[in-house]
């Protein structure tokens, strides 16, 4: 299954890429971190790696490395405002548990 963005998240990525002045798209990855084992990582990129899986959502290119795709398969990335905070929210169907602060997860 693909990794996707909501329309609201795609607008945010496009806004940041425009402000940056360059960029191919957004790299979505997981890294070992936190009390639950894994954490999400986002990075604007100018070029893809040969092994990247590429997805497009609302005109935004998403790049995911093969290792991360195993954890992110079917994930939808949204942009939400909760109280005074706003940011990207991962709707990942593979998550089995999250830490209390929501910064890390495991599958």
PDB file of N, CA and C in Angstrom:
ATOM      1  N   UNK A   1       0.844  -1.188   0.000  1.00  0.00           N
ATOM      2  CA  UNK A   1       0.000   0.000   0.000  1.00  0.00           C
ATOM      3  C   UNK A   1       0.883   1.243   0.000  1.00  0.00           C
ATOM      4  N   UNK A   2       0.383   2.314  -0.567  1.00  0.00           N
ATOM      5  CA  UNK A   2       1.198   3.524  -0.641  1.00  0.00           C
ATOM      6  C   UNK A   2       1.242   4.300   0.678  1.00  0.00           C
ATOM      7  N   UNK A   3       2.204   5.177   0.763  1.00  0.00           N
ATOM      8  CA  UNK A   3       2.272   6.184   1.822  1.00  0.00           C
ATOM      9  C   UNK A   3       1.671   7.437   1.200  1.00  0.00           C
ATOM     10  N   UNK A   4       0.704   8.065   1.887  1.00  0.00           N
ATOM     11  CA  UNK A   4      -0.021   9.186   1.304  1.00  0.00           C
ATOM     12  C   UNK A   4      -0.046  10.397   2.232  1.00  0.00           C
ATOM     13  N   UNK A   5      -0.450  11.516   1.652  1.00  0.00           N
ATOM     14  CA  UNK A   5      -0.677  12.760   2.380  1.00  0.00           C
ATOM     15  C   UNK A   5      -2.146  13.127   2.267  1.00  0.00           C
ATOM     16  N   UNK A   6      -2.679  13.788   3.281  1.00  0.00           N
ATOM     17  CA  UNK A   6      -3.976  14.416   3.122  1.00  0.00           C
ATOM     18  C   UNK A   6      -3.758  15.688   2.308  1.00  0.00           C
ATOM     19  N   UNK A   7      -4.818  16.248   1.814  1.00  0.00           N
ATOM     20  CA  UNK A   7      -4.701  17.487   1.043  1.00  0.00           C
ATOM     21  C   UNK A   7      -4.099  18.610   1.890  1.00  0.00           C
ATOM     22  N   UNK A   8      -4.486  18.681   3.146  1.00  0.00           N
ATOM     23  CA  UNK A   8      -3.954  19.708   4.052  1.00  0.00           C
ATOM     24  C   UNK A   8      -2.450  19.525   4.270  1.00  0.00           C
ATOM     25  N   UNK A   9      -2.007  18.298   4.449  1.00  0.00           N
ATOM     26  CA  UNK A   9      -0.583  18.027   4.621  1.00  0.00           C
ATOM     27  C   UNK A   9       0.186  18.357   3.344  1.00  0.00           C
ATOM     28  N   UNK A  10      -0.382  18.036   2.199  1.00  0.00           N
ATOM     29  CA  UNK A  10       0.274  18.327   0.925  1.00  0.00           C
ATOM     30  C   UNK A  10       0.460  19.833   0.752  1.00  0.00           C
ATOM     31  N   UNK A  11      -0.535  20.614   1.135  1.00  0.00           N
ATOM     32  CA  UNK A  11      -0.401  22.079   1.051  1.00  0.00           C
ATOM     33  C   UNK A  11       0.746  22.575   1.922  1.00  0.00           C
ATOM     34  N   UNK A  12       0.901  22.004   3.124  1.00  0.00           N
ATOM     35  CA  UNK A  12       1.996  22.402   4.016  1.00  0.00           C
ATOM     36  C   UNK A  12       3.353  22.059   3.410  1.00  0.00           C
ATOM     37  N   UNK A  13       3.477  20.873   2.844  1.00  0.00           N
ATOM     38  CA  UNK A  13       4.738  20.468   2.231  1.00  0.00           C
ATOM     39  C   UNK A  13       5.054  21.386   1.056  1.00  0.00           C
ATOM     40  N   UNK A  14       4.059  21.667   0.206  1.00  0.00           N
ATOM     41  CA  UNK A  14       4.269  22.554  -0.934  1.00  0.00           C
ATOM     42  C   UNK A  14       4.699  23.942  -0.469  1.00  0.00           C
ATOM     43  N   UNK A  15       4.102  24.415   0.608  1.00  0.00           N
ATOM     44  CA  UNK A  15       4.453  25.727   1.167  1.00  0.00           C
ATOM     45  C   UNK A  15       5.920  25.748   1.613  1.00  0.00           C
ATOM     46  N   UNK A  16       6.349  24.702   2.293  1.00  0.00           N
ATOM     47  CA  UNK A  16       7.736  24.633   2.772  1.00  0.00           C
ATOM     48  C   UNK A  16       8.722  24.470   1.615  1.00  0.00           C
ATOM     49  N   UNK A  17       8.359  23.681   0.621  1.00  0.00           N
ATOM     50  CA  UNK A  17       9.236  23.519  -0.544  1.00  0.00           C
ATOM     51  C   UNK A  17       9.371  24.839  -1.295  1.00  0.00           C
ATOM     52  N   UNK A  18       8.279  25.596  -1.410  1.00  0.00           N
ATOM     53  CA  UNK A  18       8.322  26.899  -2.090  1.00  0.00           C
ATOM     54  C   UNK A  18       9.202  27.876  -1.317  1.00  0.00           C
ATOM     55  N   UNK A  19       9.078  27.890   0.003  1.00  0.00           N
ATOM     56  CA  UNK A  19       9.897  28.778   0.833  1.00  0.00           C
ATOM     57  C   UNK A  19      11.368  28.391   0.746  1.00  0.00           C
ATOM     58  N   UNK A  20      11.618  27.106   0.611  1.00  0.00           N
ATOM     59  CA  UNK A  20      12.974  26.583   0.505  1.00  0.00           C
ATOM     60  C   UNK A  20      13.596  26.945  -0.853  1.00  0.00           C
ATOM     61  N   UNK A  21      12.743  27.096  -1.866  1.00  0.00           N
ATOM     62  CA  UNK A  21      13.203  27.482  -3.190  1.00  0.00           C
ATOM     63  C   UNK A  21      13.624  26.336  -4.087  1.00  0.00           C
ATOM     64  N   UNK A  22      13.725  25.144  -3.550  1.00  0.00           N
ATOM     65  CA  UNK A  22      14.119  23.980  -4.325  1.00  0.00           C
ATOM     66  C   UNK A  22      13.642  22.730  -3.597  1.00  0.00           C
ATOM     67  N   UNK A  23      13.637  21.629  -4.287  1.00  0.00           N
ATOM     68  CA  UNK A  23      13.289  20.376  -3.632  1.00  0.00           C
ATOM     69  C   UNK A  23      12.470  19.458  -4.503  1.00  0.00           C
ATOM     70  N   UNK A  24      12.788  18.192  -4.420  1.00  0.00           N
ATOM     71  CA  UNK A  24      12.057  17.164  -5.146  1.00  0.00           C
ATOM     72  C   UNK A  24      10.803  16.766  -4.384  1.00  0.00           C
ATOM     73  N   UNK A  25      10.912  16.676  -3.059  1.00  0.00           N
ATOM     74  CA  UNK A  25       9.775  16.243  -2.269  1.00  0.00           C
ATOM     75  C   UNK A  25      10.152  16.022  -0.822  1.00  0.00           C
ATOM     76  N   UNK A  26       9.409  15.137  -0.175  1.00  0.00           N
ATOM     77  CA  UNK A  26       9.557  14.876   1.251  1.00  0.00           C
ATOM     78  C   UNK A  26       9.946  13.420   1.480  1.00  0.00           C
ATOM     79  N   UNK A  27      11.044  13.213   2.206  1.00  0.00           N
ATOM     80  CA  UNK A  27      11.442  11.867   2.602  1.00  0.00           C
ATOM     81  C   UNK A  27      10.739  11.552   3.926  1.00  0.00           C
ATOM     82  N   UNK A  28      10.061  10.408   3.961  1.00  0.00           N
ATOM     83  CA  UNK A  28       9.391   9.921   5.153  1.00  0.00           C
ATOM     84  C   UNK A  28      10.116   8.648   5.560  1.00  0.00           C
ATOM     85  N   UNK A  29      10.569   8.600   6.809  1.00  0.00           N
ATOM     86  CA  UNK A  29      11.369   7.454   7.254  1.00  0.00           C
ATOM     87  C   UNK A  29      11.090   7.153   8.721  1.00  0.00           C
ATOM     88  N   UNK A  30      11.619   6.046   9.173  1.00  0.00           N
ATOM     89  CA  UNK A  30      11.614   5.725  10.600  1.00  0.00           C
ATOM     90  C   UNK A  30      13.062   5.547  11.037  1.00  0.00           C
ATOM     91  N   UNK A  31      13.309   5.854  12.286  1.00  0.00           N
ATOM     92  CA  UNK A  31      14.640   5.656  12.864  1.00  0.00           C
ATOM     93  C   UNK A  31      14.483   5.031  14.236  1.00  0.00           C
ATOM     94  N   UNK A  32      15.513   4.384  14.695  1.00  0.00           N
ATOM     95  CA  UNK A  32      15.502   3.798  16.026  1.00  0.00           C
ATOM     96  C   UNK A  32      15.652   4.921  17.032  1.00  0.00           C
ATOM     97  N   UNK A  33      14.666   5.038  17.925  1.00  0.00           N
ATOM     98  CA  UNK A  33      14.679   6.145  18.877  1.00  0.00           C
ATOM     99  C   UNK A  33      13.543   5.994  19.873  1.00  0.00           C
ATOM    100  N   UNK A  34      13.633   6.713  20.963  1.00  0.00           N
ATOM    101  CA  UNK A  34      12.542   6.809  21.919  1.00  0.00           C
ATOM    102  C   UNK A  34      12.349   5.576  22.767  1.00  0.00           C
ATOM    103  N   UNK A  35      11.397   5.674  23.672  1.00  0.00           N
ATOM    104  CA  UNK A  35      11.160   4.588  24.619  1.00  0.00           C
ATOM    105  C   UNK A  35      10.402   3.413  24.002  1.00  0.00           C
ATOM    106  N   UNK A  36       9.723   3.635  22.866  1.00  0.00           N
ATOM    107  CA  UNK A  36       8.992   2.539  22.228  1.00  0.00           C
ATOM    108  C   UNK A  36       9.750   1.896  21.080  1.00  0.00           C
ATOM    109  N   UNK A  37      10.896   2.459  20.715  1.00  0.00           N
ATOM    110  CA  UNK A  37      11.750   1.808  19.733  1.00  0.00           C
ATOM    111  C   UNK A  37      11.922   2.499  18.401  1.00  0.00           C
ATOM    112  N   UNK A  38      10.862   3.118  17.855  1.00  0.00           N
ATOM    113  CA  UNK A  38      10.937   3.750  16.542  1.00  0.00           C
ATOM    114  C   UNK A  38      10.350   5.156  16.599  1.00  0.00           C
ATOM    115  N   UNK A  39      10.879   6.026  15.755  1.00  0.00           N
ATOM    116  CA  UNK A  39      10.352   7.388  15.646  1.00  0.00           C
ATOM    117  C   UNK A  39      10.307   7.770  14.173  1.00  0.00           C
ATOM    118  N   UNK A  40       9.410   8.673  13.837  1.00  0.00           N
ATOM    119  CA  UNK A  40       9.286   9.143  12.469  1.00  0.00           C
ATOM    120  C   UNK A  40      10.336  10.203  12.181  1.00  0.00           C
ATOM    121  N   UNK A  41      10.757  10.270  10.927  1.00  0.00           N
ATOM    122  CA  UNK A  41      11.700  11.295  10.490  1.00  0.00           C
ATOM    123  C   UNK A  41      11.195  11.867   9.163  1.00  0.00           C
ATOM    124  N   UNK A  42      11.189  13.192   9.065  1.00  0.00           N
ATOM    125  CA  UNK A  42      10.795  13.883   7.838  1.00  0.00           C
ATOM    126  C   UNK A  42      11.957  14.751   7.384  1.00  0.00           C
ATOM    127  N   UNK A  43      12.177  14.781   6.078  1.00  0.00           N
ATOM    128  CA  UNK A  43      13.280  15.575   5.547  1.00  0.00           C
ATOM    129  C   UNK A  43      12.939  15.995   4.121  1.00  0.00           C
ATOM    130  N   UNK A  44      13.120  17.273   3.818  1.00  0.00           N
ATOM    131  CA  UNK A  44      12.958  17.727   2.445  1.00  0.00           C
ATOM    132  C   UNK A  44      14.194  17.308   1.666  1.00  0.00           C
ATOM    133  N   UNK A  45      13.988  16.793   0.461  1.00  0.00           N
ATOM    134  CA  UNK A  45      15.108  16.275  -0.321  1.00  0.00           C
ATOM    135  C   UNK A  45      15.129  16.894  -1.714  1.00  0.00           C
ATOM    136  N   UNK A  46      16.342  16.956  -2.271  1.00  0.00           N
ATOM    137  CA  UNK A  46      16.532  17.498  -3.607  1.00  0.00           C
ATOM    138  C   UNK A  46      16.674  16.414  -4.662  1.00  0.00           C
ATOM    139  N   UNK A  47      17.001  15.196  -4.232  1.00  0.00           N
ATOM    140  CA  UNK A  47      17.110  14.093  -5.183  1.00  0.00           C
ATOM    141  C   UNK A  47      16.792  12.774  -4.488  1.00  0.00           C
ATOM    142  N   UNK A  48      16.407  11.805  -5.288  1.00  0.00           N
ATOM    143  CA  UNK A  48      16.066  10.494  -4.735  1.00  0.00           C
ATOM    144  C   UNK A  48      17.270   9.567  -4.773  1.00  0.00           C
ATOM    145  N   UNK A  49      17.225   8.552  -3.944  1.00  0.00           N
ATOM    146  CA  UNK A  49      18.226   7.488  -3.967  1.00  0.00           C
ATOM    147  C   UNK A  49      17.680   6.369  -4.858  1.00  0.00           C
ATOM    148  N   UNK A  50      18.558   5.583  -5.472  1.00  0.00           N
ATOM    149  CA  UNK A  50      18.095   4.524  -6.383  1.00  0.00           C
ATOM    150  C   UNK A  50      17.137   3.527  -5.738  1.00  0.00           C
ATOM    151  N   UNK A  51      17.290   3.269  -4.447  1.00  0.00           N
ATOM    152  CA  UNK A  51      16.450   2.261  -3.784  1.00  0.00           C
ATOM    153  C   UNK A  51      15.127   2.820  -3.252  1.00  0.00           C
ATOM    154  N   UNK A  52      14.919   4.126  -3.346  1.00  0.00           N
ATOM    155  CA  UNK A  52      13.704   4.751  -2.806  1.00  0.00           C
ATOM    156  C   UNK A  52      12.447   4.262  -3.511  1.00  0.00           C
ATOM    157  N   UNK A  53      11.394   4.113  -2.723  1.00  0.00           N
ATOM    158  CA  UNK A  53      10.047   3.925  -3.260  1.00  0.00           C
ATOM    159  C   UNK A  53       9.459   5.328  -3.347  1.00  0.00           C
ATOM    160  N   UNK A  54       8.816   5.646  -4.461  1.00  0.00           N
ATOM    161  CA  UNK A  54       8.285   6.978  -4.684  1.00  0.00           C
ATOM    162  C   UNK A  54       6.770   6.918  -4.788  1.00  0.00           C
ATOM    163  N   UNK A  55       6.114   7.816  -4.073  1.00  0.00           N
ATOM    164  CA  UNK A  55       4.655   7.930  -4.099  1.00  0.00           C
ATOM    165  C   UNK A  55       4.312   9.390  -4.369  1.00  0.00           C
ATOM    166  N   UNK A  56       3.170   9.626  -4.984  1.00  0.00           N
ATOM    167  CA  UNK A  56       2.726  10.992  -5.203  1.00  0.00           C
ATOM    168  C   UNK A  56       1.352  11.162  -4.597  1.00  0.00           C
ATOM    169  N   UNK A  57       1.173  12.290  -3.921  1.00  0.00           N
ATOM    170  CA  UNK A  57      -0.091  12.568  -3.262  1.00  0.00           C
ATOM    171  C   UNK A  57      -0.375  14.060  -3.349  1.00  0.00           C
ATOM    172  N   UNK A  58      -1.467  14.426  -4.023  1.00  0.00           N
ATOM    173  CA  UNK A  58      -1.860  15.825  -4.195  1.00  0.00           C
ATOM    174  C   UNK A  58      -0.702  16.665  -4.738  1.00  0.00           C
ATOM    175  N   UNK A  59       0.042  16.109  -5.691  1.00  0.00           N
ATOM    176  CA  UNK A  59       1.118  16.842  -6.337  1.00  0.00           C
ATOM    177  C   UNK A  59       2.434  16.872  -5.587  1.00  0.00           C
ATOM    178  N   UNK A  60       2.529  16.160  -4.467  1.00  0.00           N
ATOM    179  CA  UNK A  60       3.756  16.111  -3.677  1.00  0.00           C
ATOM    180  C   UNK A  60       4.381  14.730  -3.813  1.00  0.00           C
ATOM    181  N   UNK A  61       5.690  14.710  -4.040  1.00  0.00           N
ATOM    182  CA  UNK A  61       6.421  13.457  -4.122  1.00  0.00           C
ATOM    183  C   UNK A  61       6.902  13.052  -2.729  1.00  0.00           C
ATOM    184  N   UNK A  62       6.584  11.817  -2.356  1.00  0.00           N
ATOM    185  CA  UNK A  62       7.049  11.232  -1.096  1.00  0.00           C
ATOM    186  C   UNK A  62       8.053  10.148  -1.425  1.00  0.00           C
ATOM    187  N   UNK A  63       9.178  10.145  -0.709  1.00  0.00           N
ATOM    188  CA  UNK A  63      10.219   9.144  -0.910  1.00  0.00           C
ATOM    189  C   UNK A  63      10.382   8.347   0.371  1.00  0.00           C
ATOM    190  N   UNK A  64      10.411   7.017   0.229  1.00  0.00           N
ATOM    191  CA  UNK A  64      10.521   6.133   1.386  1.00  0.00           C
ATOM    192  C   UNK A  64      11.549   5.056   1.069  1.00  0.00           C
ATOM    193  N   UNK A  65      12.531   4.886   1.962  1.00  0.00           N
ATOM    194  CA  UNK A  65      13.527   3.838   1.757  1.00  0.00           C
ATOM    195  C   UNK A  65      12.882   2.473   2.057  1.00  0.00           C
ATOM    196  N   UNK A  66      13.427   1.399   1.503  1.00  0.00           N
ATOM    197  CA  UNK A  66      12.813   0.068   1.667  1.00  0.00           C
ATOM    198  C   UNK A  66      12.649  -0.370   3.127  1.00  0.00           C
ATOM    199  N   UNK A  67      13.632  -0.097   3.980  1.00  0.00           N
ATOM    200  CA  UNK A  67      13.536  -0.494   5.383  1.00  0.00           C
ATOM    201  C   UNK A  67      12.370   0.221   6.074  1.00  0.00           C
ATOM    202  N   UNK A  68      12.242   1.517   5.824  1.00  0.00           N
ATOM    203  CA  UNK A  68      11.159   2.294   6.446  1.00  0.00           C
ATOM    204  C   UNK A  68       9.796   1.891   5.922  1.00  0.00           C
ATOM    205  N   UNK A  69       9.729   1.521   4.636  1.00  0.00           N
ATOM    206  CA  UNK A  69       8.440   1.161   4.048  1.00  0.00           C
ATOM    207  C   UNK A  69       7.799  -0.010   4.776  1.00  0.00           C
ATOM    208  N   UNK A  70       8.597  -0.920   5.293  1.00  0.00           N
ATOM    209  CA  UNK A  70       8.051  -2.052   6.045  1.00  0.00           C
ATOM    210  C   UNK A  70       7.243  -1.575   7.255  1.00  0.00           C
ATOM    211  N   UNK A  71       7.617  -0.448   7.841  1.00  0.00           N
ATOM    212  CA  UNK A  71       6.920   0.107   9.005  1.00  0.00           C
ATOM    213  C   UNK A  71       5.857   1.136   8.626  1.00  0.00           C
ATOM    214  N   UNK A  72       5.989   1.727   7.440  1.00  0.00           N
ATOM    215  CA  UNK A  72       5.112   2.824   7.036  1.00  0.00           C
ATOM    216  C   UNK A  72       4.044   2.432   6.024  1.00  0.00           C
ATOM    217  N   UNK A  73       4.045   1.199   5.578  1.00  0.00           N
ATOM    218  CA  UNK A  73       3.108   0.747   4.555  1.00  0.00           C
ATOM    219  C   UNK A  73       1.671   1.087   4.934  1.00  0.00           C
ATOM    220  N   UNK A  74       0.996   1.862   4.083  1.00  0.00           N
ATOM    221  CA  UNK A  74      -0.389   2.235   4.328  1.00  0.00           C
ATOM    222  C   UNK A  74      -0.566   3.475   5.190  1.00  0.00           C
ATOM    223  N   UNK A  75       0.514   4.141   5.551  1.00  0.00           N
ATOM    224  CA  UNK A  75       0.442   5.321   6.421  1.00  0.00           C
ATOM    225  C   UNK A  75      -0.073   6.536   5.667  1.00  0.00           C
ATOM    226  N   UNK A  76      -0.921   7.302   6.339  1.00  0.00           N
ATOM    227  CA  UNK A  76      -1.390   8.582   5.822  1.00  0.00           C
ATOM    228  C   UNK A  76      -0.829   9.671   6.727  1.00  0.00           C
ATOM    229  N   UNK A  77      -0.219  10.666   6.120  1.00  0.00           N
ATOM    230  CA  UNK A  77       0.357  11.785   6.851  1.00  0.00           C
ATOM    231  C   UNK A  77      -0.605  12.965   6.751  1.00  0.00           C
ATOM    232  N   UNK A  78      -1.031  13.467   7.900  1.00  0.00           N
ATOM    233  CA  UNK A  78      -1.977  14.582   7.969  1.00  0.00           C
ATOM    234  C   UNK A  78      -1.278  15.772   8.598  1.00  0.00           C
ATOM    235  N   UNK A  79      -1.891  16.940   8.482  1.00  0.00           N
ATOM    236  CA  UNK A  79      -1.386  18.134   9.169  1.00  0.00           C
ATOM    237  C   UNK A  79      -2.530  18.633  10.039  1.00  0.00           C
ATOM    238  N   UNK A  80      -2.308  18.665  11.345  1.00  0.00           N
ATOM    239  CA  UNK A  80      -3.392  18.976  12.275  1.00  0.00           C
ATOM    240  C   UNK A  80      -2.993  20.070  13.258  1.00  0.00           C
ATOM    241  N   UNK A  81      -4.006  20.708  13.775  1.00  0.00           N
ATOM    242  CA  UNK A  81      -3.845  21.678  14.855  1.00  0.00           C
ATOM    243  C   UNK A  81      -4.579  21.122  16.065  1.00  0.00           C
ATOM    244  N   UNK A  82      -3.847  20.976  17.176  1.00  0.00           N
ATOM    245  CA  UNK A  82      -4.422  20.474  18.424  1.00  0.00           C
ATOM    246  C   UNK A  82      -4.066  21.468  19.523  1.00  0.00           C
ATOM    247  N   UNK A  83      -5.053  22.262  19.913  1.00  0.00           N
ATOM    248  CA  UNK A  83      -4.790  23.311  20.898  1.00  0.00           C
ATOM    249  C   UNK A  83      -3.841  24.339  20.313  1.00  0.00           C
ATOM    250  N   UNK A  84      -2.757  24.604  21.002  1.00  0.00           N
ATOM    251  CA  UNK A  84      -1.769  25.570  20.527  1.00  0.00           C
ATOM    252  C   UNK A  84      -0.735  24.947  19.605  1.00  0.00           C
ATOM    253  N   UNK A  85      -0.759  23.631  19.478  1.00  0.00           N
ATOM    254  CA  UNK A  85       0.232  22.920  18.668  1.00  0.00           C
ATOM    255  C   UNK A  85      -0.316  22.592  17.292  1.00  0.00           C
ATOM    256  N   UNK A  86       0.559  22.620  16.312  1.00  0.00           N
ATOM    257  CA  UNK A  86       0.188  22.156  14.988  1.00  0.00           C
ATOM    258  C   UNK A  86       1.386  21.450  14.385  1.00  0.00           C
ATOM    259  N   UNK A  87       1.093  20.462  13.549  1.00  0.00           N
ATOM    260  CA  UNK A  87       2.176  19.719  12.924  1.00  0.00           C
ATOM    261  C   UNK A  87       1.658  18.491  12.209  1.00  0.00           C
ATOM    262  N   UNK A  88       2.593  17.724  11.705  1.00  0.00           N
ATOM    263  CA  UNK A  88       2.247  16.515  10.978  1.00  0.00           C
ATOM    264  C   UNK A  88       1.853  15.406  11.944  1.00  0.00           C
ATOM    265  N   UNK A  89       0.824  14.669  11.560  1.00  0.00           N
ATOM    266  CA  UNK A  89       0.344  13.541  12.359  1.00  0.00           C
ATOM    267  C   UNK A  89       0.347  12.312  11.461  1.00  0.00           C
ATOM    268  N   UNK A  90       0.925  11.237  11.960  1.00  0.00           N
ATOM    269  CA  UNK A  90       1.006   9.980  11.219  1.00  0.00           C
ATOM    270  C   UNK A  90      -0.157   9.080  11.595  1.00  0.00           C
ATOM    271  N   UNK A  91      -0.950   8.708  10.605  1.00  0.00           N
ATOM    272  CA  UNK A  91      -2.012   7.727  10.789  1.00  0.00           C
ATOM    273  C   UNK A  91      -1.486   6.417  10.206  1.00  0.00           C
ATOM    274  N   UNK A  92      -0.811   5.657  11.077  1.00  0.00           N
ATOM    275  CA  UNK A  92      -0.094   4.455  10.662  1.00  0.00           C
ATOM    276  C   UNK A  92      -0.841   3.208  11.141  1.00  0.00           C
ATOM    277  N   UNK A  93      -1.391   2.419  10.208  1.00  0.00           N
ATOM    278  CA  UNK A  93      -2.153   1.230  10.599  1.00  0.00           C
ATOM    279  C   UNK A  93      -1.289   0.112  11.197  1.00  0.00           C
ATOM    280  N   UNK A  94       0.028   0.235  11.114  1.00  0.00           N
ATOM    281  CA  UNK A  94       0.929  -0.803  11.605  1.00  0.00           C
ATOM    282  C   UNK A  94       1.313  -0.651  13.069  1.00  0.00           C
ATOM    283  N   UNK A  95       1.017   0.490  13.669  1.00  0.00           N
ATOM    284  CA  UNK A  95       1.431   0.774  15.049  1.00  0.00           C
ATOM    285  C   UNK A  95       0.657  -0.106  16.022  1.00  0.00           C
ATOM    286  N   UNK A  96       1.403  -0.777  16.889  1.00  0.00           N
ATOM    287  CA  UNK A  96       0.799  -1.616  17.934  1.00  0.00           C
ATOM    288  C   UNK A  96       0.772  -0.899  19.275  1.00  0.00           C
ATOM    289  N   UNK A  97       1.761  -0.019  19.525  1.00  0.00           N
ATOM    290  CA  UNK A  97       1.822   0.726  20.785  1.00  0.00           C
ATOM    291  C   UNK A  97       2.636   1.994  20.579  1.00  0.00           C
ATOM    292  N   UNK A  98       2.319   3.019  21.383  1.00  0.00           N
ATOM    293  CA  UNK A  98       3.043   4.282  21.367  1.00  0.00           C
ATOM    294  C   UNK A  98       3.478   4.622  22.772  1.00  0.00           C
ATOM    295  N   UNK A  99       4.544   5.425  22.855  1.00  0.00           N
ATOM    296  CA  UNK A  99       4.942   5.890  24.187  1.00  0.00           C
ATOM    297  C   UNK A  99       3.946   6.957  24.647  1.00  0.00           C
ATOM    298  N   UNK A 100       3.962   7.306  25.888  1.00  0.00           N
ATOM    299  CA  UNK A 100       3.017   8.262  26.446  1.00  0.00           C
ATOM    300  C   UNK A 100       3.056   9.631  25.805  1.00  0.00           C
ATOM    301  N   UNK A 101       4.244  10.070  25.388  1.00  0.00           N
ATOM    302  CA  UNK A 101       4.364  11.396  24.783  1.00  0.00           C
ATOM    303  C   UNK A 101       4.026  11.378  23.295  1.00  0.00           C
ATOM    304  N   UNK A 102       3.885  10.202  22.711  1.00  0.00           N
ATOM    305  CA  UNK A 102       3.527  10.091  21.305  1.00  0.00           C
ATOM    306  C   UNK A 102       4.680  10.280  20.337  1.00  0.00           C
ATOM    307  N   UNK A 103       5.891  10.376  20.833  1.00  0.00           N
ATOM    308  CA  UNK A 103       7.044  10.598  19.964  1.00  0.00           C
ATOM    309  C   UNK A 103       7.612   9.321  19.362  1.00  0.00           C
ATOM    310  N   UNK A 104       7.354   8.186  19.961  1.00  0.00           N
ATOM    311  CA  UNK A 104       7.885   6.945  19.410  1.00  0.00           C
ATOM    312  C   UNK A 104       6.804   5.868  19.435  1.00  0.00           C
ATOM    313  N   UNK A 105       7.068   4.802  18.684  1.00  0.00           N
ATOM    314  CA  UNK A 105       6.063   3.745  18.529  1.00  0.00           C
ATOM    315  C   UNK A 105       6.772   2.421  18.289  1.00  0.00           C
ATOM    316  N   UNK A 106       5.983   1.339  18.301  1.00  0.00           N
ATOM    317  CA  UNK A 106       6.507   0.039  17.863  1.00  0.00           C
ATOM    318  C   UNK A 106       5.434  -0.667  17.065  1.00  0.00           C
ATOM    319  N   UNK A 107       5.883  -1.624  16.273  1.00  0.00           N
ATOM    320  CA  UNK A 107       4.948  -2.381  15.413  1.00  0.00           C
ATOM    321  C   UNK A 107       5.033  -3.858  15.737  1.00  0.00           C
TER     322      UNK A 107
END
